[in-house]
């Protein structure tokens, strides 16, 4: 009998110990999960918080309000806000490069009476990099060769001013004003900049609609204005969207330079760079419009080449 009682007592003690251990372990896992410190357990999702973006304000592009009472418009904006809020590496680079280029772009836009919101169009076009599209568009503003030449950008085997940030921005201003005059709104001007004025005109005539938000366009142009608005929202207030980027991490403007007037042919730009106290790489960084290793200067022509100050 005593032996049976002893066995019974041991069993009860073992059961209570197991129960206490299980309860403690469960509480610890729950607590850790709440603060996001545990690694994913079998069958669990990643320990992160992904939220939607509440549209609790008026959204405006170039002074023209988005009609968010239309569910289709609201959902299209939601898509671009979500994509660019959670496309971390790309958006971080956009924020950093905006610090470099936006002061210059804004000054030129204001001087030409173009709404400041169009600086975000440059992000939609190129991510503020001198990229080349599959169709052959180049530079921050993605000018095709014919359009660039039409707006007085020099394009040759040695010089391509589509890569000249200031000159290309000036050209973009003239082009955007022309599109605004043609289509009557800045929103449609942005759409035409993306897809071309002739194609947009055909769609407007075929669909009997005059509002960008009522047009059924190709996917890229249908998303285009919404992408621009999303960039505007995020880059205007990065911390509201979770981007904690310190000021010293932003890319500085390349404005610490002198201009050297060149009115004679340079047969070797590498040698010229060394003679002027810089490397060939820095010559190209400050003057990306110089696309060859030499520069032929015709009689009466003059170029300004930037050389960073020491």
Protein backbone atom coordinates (compact mmCIF):
# COMPACT_ATOMS: atom_id res chain seq x y z
CA UNK A 1 0.00 0.00 0.00
CA UNK A 2 2.76 2.44 0.95
CA UNK A 3 4.57 1.44 -2.21
CA UNK A 4 1.47 2.15 -4.28
CA UNK A 5 1.04 5.55 -2.58
CA UNK A 6 4.69 6.38 -3.28
CA UNK A 7 4.34 5.51 -6.98
CA UNK A 8 1.14 7.56 -7.17
CA UNK A 9 2.83 10.59 -5.57
CA UNK A 10 5.75 10.40 -7.98
CA UNK A 11 3.37 10.20 -10.94
CA UNK A 12 1.42 13.27 -9.76
CA UNK A 13 4.65 15.21 -9.25
CA UNK A 14 5.93 14.29 -12.70
CA UNK A 15 2.65 15.29 -14.32
CA UNK A 16 2.59 18.67 -12.55
CA UNK A 17 6.22 19.34 -13.55
CA UNK A 18 5.48 18.57 -17.20
CA UNK A 19 2.38 20.75 -17.14
CA UNK A 20 4.28 23.70 -15.65
CA UNK A 21 7.11 23.31 -18.20
CA UNK A 22 4.68 23.15 -21.13
CA UNK A 23 2.79 26.20 -19.87
CA UNK A 24 6.04 28.20 -19.42
CA UNK A 25 7.34 27.25 -22.87
CA UNK A 26 4.04 28.20 -24.50
CA UNK A 27 4.00 31.57 -22.74
CA UNK A 28 7.58 32.29 -23.78
CA UNK A 29 6.86 31.52 -27.44
CA UNK A 30 3.75 33.68 -27.38
CA UNK A 31 5.60 36.55 -25.70
CA UNK A 32 8.50 36.37 -28.13
CA UNK A 33 6.20 36.22 -31.11
CA UNK A 34 4.45 39.37 -29.92
CA UNK A 35 7.72 41.31 -29.92
CA UNK A 36 8.97 39.73 -33.15
CA UNK A 37 12.11 38.13 -31.67
CA UNK A 38 11.64 34.46 -32.51
CA UNK A 39 12.73 32.73 -35.66
CA UNK A 40 9.95 31.16 -37.73
CA UNK A 41 8.72 27.89 -36.22
CA UNK A 42 7.54 24.93 -38.29
CA UNK A 43 4.41 25.94 -40.14
CA UNK A 44 4.59 29.59 -39.06
CA UNK A 45 4.83 32.64 -41.30
CA UNK A 46 7.69 35.16 -41.23
CA UNK A 47 7.70 37.16 -37.97
CA UNK A 48 6.95 40.52 -39.58
CA UNK A 49 4.13 43.01 -39.78
CA UNK A 50 2.88 43.93 -43.26
CA UNK A 51 0.14 46.54 -43.32
CA UNK A 52 -2.04 48.12 -45.94
CA UNK A 53 -1.88 51.85 -46.65
CA UNK A 54 -4.85 53.90 -45.60
CA UNK A 55 -5.98 56.51 -48.10
CA UNK A 56 -6.94 59.13 -45.55
CA UNK A 57 -6.11 62.30 -47.46
CA UNK A 58 -6.58 64.03 -50.78
CA UNK A 59 -4.06 62.97 -53.41
CA UNK A 60 -3.10 65.57 -55.98
CA UNK A 61 -0.86 65.55 -59.05
CA UNK A 62 0.22 68.92 -60.47
CA UNK A 63 -2.73 70.62 -58.80
CA UNK A 64 -5.24 68.09 -60.18
CA UNK A 65 -7.00 65.89 -57.61
CA UNK A 66 -7.35 62.14 -58.07
CA UNK A 67 -11.07 61.10 -58.03
CA UNK A 68 -10.77 58.58 -55.20
CA UNK A 69 -14.54 58.24 -54.96
CA UNK A 70 -14.07 55.97 -57.99
CA UNK A 71 -13.11 52.56 -56.58
CA UNK A 72 -11.03 51.76 -59.66
CA UNK A 73 -8.91 54.88 -59.15
CA UNK A 74 -8.52 54.12 -55.45
CA UNK A 75 -7.39 50.55 -56.12
CA UNK A 76 -4.92 51.60 -58.83
CA UNK A 77 -3.35 54.12 -56.46
CA UNK A 78 -3.29 51.50 -53.70
CA UNK A 79 -1.32 49.16 -55.96
CA UNK A 80 1.42 51.70 -56.64
CA UNK A 81 1.65 52.80 -53.01
CA UNK A 82 2.05 49.19 -51.92
CA UNK A 83 4.51 48.21 -54.64
CA UNK A 84 6.81 51.15 -53.97
CA UNK A 85 6.48 51.04 -50.19
CA UNK A 86 7.60 47.42 -50.08
CA UNK A 87 10.08 47.49 -52.97
CA UNK A 88 12.72 48.51 -50.49
CA UNK A 89 16.02 48.58 -52.39
CA UNK A 90 14.62 50.52 -55.34
CA UNK A 91 12.75 53.05 -53.22
CA UNK A 92 15.74 53.67 -50.95
CA UNK A 93 17.88 54.46 -54.00
CA UNK A 94 15.18 56.78 -55.35
CA UNK A 95 15.15 58.68 -52.05
CA UNK A 96 18.93 58.99 -52.02
CA UNK A 97 19.17 60.14 -55.65
CA UNK A 98 16.30 62.60 -55.21
CA UNK A 99 18.54 64.51 -52.81
CA UNK A 100 21.10 64.86 -55.61
CA UNK A 101 18.87 65.85 -58.51
CA UNK A 102 15.68 67.40 -57.13
CA UNK A 103 17.15 70.84 -56.24
CA UNK A 104 18.34 71.32 -59.82
CA UNK A 105 15.21 69.84 -61.40
CA UNK A 106 12.90 71.91 -59.20
CA UNK A 107 14.69 75.15 -60.06
CA UNK A 108 14.33 74.48 -63.79
CA UNK A 109 10.69 73.40 -63.50
CA UNK A 110 9.77 76.53 -61.55
CA UNK A 111 11.64 78.76 -64.00
CA UNK A 112 9.61 77.23 -66.85
CA UNK A 113 6.26 77.36 -65.00
CA UNK A 114 5.97 73.56 -64.90
CA UNK A 115 4.43 72.10 -61.71
CA UNK A 116 7.03 70.79 -59.28
CA UNK A 117 5.32 67.40 -59.17
CA UNK A 118 6.92 66.61 -62.52
CA UNK A 119 10.22 65.98 -60.75
CA UNK A 120 8.66 62.66 -59.73
CA UNK A 121 8.03 61.88 -63.40
CA UNK A 122 11.80 61.69 -63.81
CA UNK A 123 11.84 58.90 -61.22
CA UNK A 124 9.08 57.05 -63.04
CA UNK A 125 11.05 57.39 -66.27
CA UNK A 126 14.57 56.50 -65.18
CA UNK A 127 14.93 56.13 -61.43
CA UNK A 128 17.08 59.28 -61.76
CA UNK A 129 19.79 57.33 -63.55
CA UNK A 130 21.22 57.70 -67.05
CA UNK A 131 19.67 54.47 -68.28
CA UNK A 132 18.78 53.28 -71.77
CA UNK A 133 15.36 51.72 -72.39
CA UNK A 134 14.82 48.70 -74.68
CA UNK A 135 13.33 51.14 -77.20
CA UNK A 136 16.44 53.34 -77.13
CA UNK A 137 15.25 56.19 -74.89
CA UNK A 138 18.10 57.63 -72.84
CA UNK A 139 18.87 59.75 -69.82
CA UNK A 140 16.97 60.96 -66.77
CA UNK A 141 14.02 62.06 -68.92
CA UNK A 142 14.19 59.14 -71.38
CA UNK A 143 14.21 61.04 -74.65
CA UNK A 144 14.16 59.08 -77.87
CA UNK A 145 16.77 60.24 -80.39
CA UNK A 146 14.31 62.01 -82.67
CA UNK A 147 12.49 63.78 -79.83
CA UNK A 148 15.75 64.82 -78.20
CA UNK A 149 17.00 66.36 -81.43
CA UNK A 150 13.63 68.11 -81.92
CA UNK A 151 14.14 69.82 -78.57
CA UNK A 152 17.70 70.97 -79.35
CA UNK A 153 19.67 68.24 -77.60
CA UNK A 154 22.90 67.44 -79.43
CA UNK A 155 23.17 63.73 -80.22
CA UNK A 156 26.19 62.34 -82.05
CA UNK A 157 28.76 59.58 -81.77
CA UNK A 158 30.72 61.67 -79.24
CA UNK A 159 28.09 63.79 -77.50
CA UNK A 160 24.66 62.83 -76.21
CA UNK A 161 22.97 65.65 -74.32
CA UNK A 162 20.12 63.38 -73.31
CA UNK A 163 22.62 62.50 -70.56
CA UNK A 164 23.14 66.17 -69.67
CA UNK A 165 20.83 66.54 -66.66
CA UNK A 166 20.24 70.28 -66.90
CA UNK A 167 19.83 70.49 -70.69
CA UNK A 168 17.56 67.45 -70.76
CA UNK A 169 15.42 68.94 -67.98
CA UNK A 170 15.06 72.18 -69.95
CA UNK A 171 14.01 70.15 -73.00
CA UNK A 172 11.51 68.16 -70.91
CA UNK A 173 9.91 71.40 -69.71
CA UNK A 174 9.33 72.61 -73.27
CA UNK A 175 7.92 69.22 -74.26
CA UNK A 176 5.62 68.99 -71.23
CA UNK A 177 4.21 72.47 -71.82
CA UNK A 178 3.51 71.54 -75.42
CA UNK A 179 1.65 68.41 -74.28
CA UNK A 180 -0.34 70.39 -71.69
CA UNK A 181 -1.40 72.88 -74.36
CA UNK A 182 -2.43 70.02 -76.63
CA UNK A 183 -4.42 67.89 -74.16
CA UNK A 184 -5.63 70.46 -71.64
CA UNK A 185 -4.47 68.91 -68.36
CA UNK A 186 -1.18 68.10 -66.67
CA UNK A 187 -2.37 64.56 -65.97
CA UNK A 188 -2.95 63.89 -69.67
CA UNK A 189 0.36 65.62 -70.44
CA UNK A 190 2.10 63.08 -68.18
CA UNK A 191 0.29 60.21 -69.89
CA UNK A 192 1.26 61.57 -73.32
CA UNK A 193 4.87 61.91 -72.19
CA UNK A 194 4.87 58.20 -71.44
CA UNK A 195 2.99 56.79 -74.44
CA UNK A 196 3.36 59.54 -77.04
CA UNK A 197 0.93 62.27 -78.01
CA UNK A 198 -0.28 60.65 -81.23
CA UNK A 199 -1.14 57.35 -79.53
CA UNK A 200 -2.95 59.11 -76.70
CA UNK A 201 -4.95 61.21 -79.14
CA UNK A 202 -6.10 58.06 -80.96
CA UNK A 203 -7.20 56.45 -77.68
CA UNK A 204 -9.11 59.56 -76.63
CA UNK A 205 -10.92 59.68 -79.96
CA UNK A 206 -11.67 55.95 -79.99
CA UNK A 207 -12.89 55.76 -76.39
CA UNK A 208 -14.78 59.07 -76.38
CA UNK A 209 -13.20 59.97 -73.05
CA UNK A 210 -11.18 63.05 -72.16
CA UNK A 211 -10.12 62.18 -68.60
CA UNK A 212 -7.02 60.08 -67.90
CA UNK A 213 -8.83 58.13 -65.18
CA UNK A 214 -11.62 57.14 -67.59
CA UNK A 215 -9.30 55.92 -70.33
CA UNK A 216 -8.43 52.24 -70.77
CA UNK A 217 -4.75 52.48 -71.76
CA UNK A 218 -1.83 50.09 -72.04
CA UNK A 219 -0.67 48.76 -68.69
CA UNK A 220 2.41 50.97 -68.40
CA UNK A 221 0.57 54.21 -69.09
CA UNK A 222 -2.46 53.13 -67.04
CA UNK A 223 -0.16 52.80 -64.03
CA UNK A 224 2.05 55.77 -64.87
CA UNK A 225 0.38 58.70 -63.09
CA UNK A 226 -0.37 56.52 -60.06
CA UNK A 227 3.30 55.57 -59.85
CA UNK A 228 4.26 59.25 -59.95
CA UNK A 229 1.80 60.06 -57.15
CA UNK A 230 3.11 57.13 -55.10
CA UNK A 231 6.70 58.39 -55.50
CA UNK A 232 5.53 61.84 -54.44
CA UNK A 233 3.88 60.50 -51.28
CA UNK A 234 6.78 58.29 -50.22
CA UNK A 235 9.69 60.60 -51.04
CA UNK A 236 7.95 63.65 -49.54
CA UNK A 237 7.73 61.86 -46.18
CA UNK A 238 9.85 58.66 -46.18
CA UNK A 239 9.57 58.01 -42.44
CA UNK A 240 5.78 57.80 -42.69
CA UNK A 241 6.35 54.77 -44.92
CA UNK A 242 9.04 53.23 -42.74
CA UNK A 243 12.16 54.46 -44.56
CA UNK A 244 14.59 55.56 -41.87
CA UNK A 245 17.38 57.11 -43.94
CA UNK A 246 19.79 59.47 -42.23
CA UNK A 247 20.74 62.74 -43.92
CA UNK A 248 24.38 61.73 -44.25
CA UNK A 249 23.30 58.63 -46.20
CA UNK A 250 21.68 60.70 -48.96
CA UNK A 251 23.63 61.25 -52.18
CA UNK A 252 24.91 64.85 -52.32
CA UNK A 253 24.39 67.10 -55.37
CA UNK A 254 27.35 67.20 -57.77
CA UNK A 255 27.55 70.99 -57.61
CA UNK A 256 31.13 71.48 -56.42
CA UNK A 257 32.81 72.00 -59.79
CA UNK A 258 34.25 74.52 -62.21
CA UNK A 259 33.43 74.82 -65.91
CA UNK A 260 36.29 74.69 -68.39
CA UNK A 261 35.53 76.16 -71.81
CA UNK A 262 36.65 73.91 -74.65
CA UNK A 263 36.76 75.26 -78.21
CA UNK A 264 39.39 72.94 -79.66
CA UNK A 265 39.25 69.23 -80.42
CA UNK A 266 40.39 66.88 -77.64
CA UNK A 267 41.90 63.76 -79.17
CA UNK A 268 42.21 61.89 -75.87
CA UNK A 269 39.89 62.73 -73.00
CA UNK A 270 41.87 60.52 -70.63
CA UNK A 271 44.98 62.66 -71.13
CA UNK A 272 42.87 65.82 -70.91
CA UNK A 273 41.42 64.67 -67.58
CA UNK A 274 44.88 64.04 -66.10
CA UNK A 275 46.13 67.41 -67.32
CA UNK A 276 43.20 69.00 -65.46
CA UNK A 277 43.84 67.14 -62.22
CA UNK A 278 41.07 64.52 -62.36
CA UNK A 279 40.61 60.93 -63.42
CA UNK A 280 38.86 59.78 -66.56
CA UNK A 281 36.20 58.21 -64.35
CA UNK A 282 35.42 61.50 -62.60
CA UNK A 283 35.33 63.26 -65.97
CA UNK A 284 32.57 60.87 -67.03
CA UNK A 285 30.73 61.08 -63.70
CA UNK A 286 30.49 64.87 -63.94
CA UNK A 287 29.98 64.91 -67.73
CA UNK A 288 28.01 61.78 -68.71
CA UNK A 289 27.06 63.46 -71.99
CA UNK A 290 30.64 62.84 -73.19
CA UNK A 291 30.04 59.34 -74.57
CA UNK A 292 33.33 58.76 -76.42
CA UNK A 293 37.03 58.91 -75.54
CA UNK A 294 37.57 62.01 -77.68
CA UNK A 295 35.72 65.22 -78.47
CA UNK A 296 35.68 66.84 -81.89
CA UNK A 297 34.97 70.55 -81.69
CA UNK A 298 33.83 72.22 -84.90
CA UNK A 299 34.84 75.77 -85.70
CA UNK A 300 32.72 78.24 -83.76
CA UNK A 301 31.51 75.57 -81.35
CA UNK A 302 32.22 75.61 -77.61
CA UNK A 303 31.60 73.11 -74.82
CA UNK A 304 31.64 73.53 -71.06
CA UNK A 305 33.26 70.55 -69.32
CA UNK A 306 32.84 70.23 -65.58
CA UNK A 307 35.83 69.49 -63.41
CA UNK A 308 35.27 68.81 -59.71
CA UNK A 309 37.01 71.19 -57.35
CA UNK A 310 39.77 69.77 -55.21
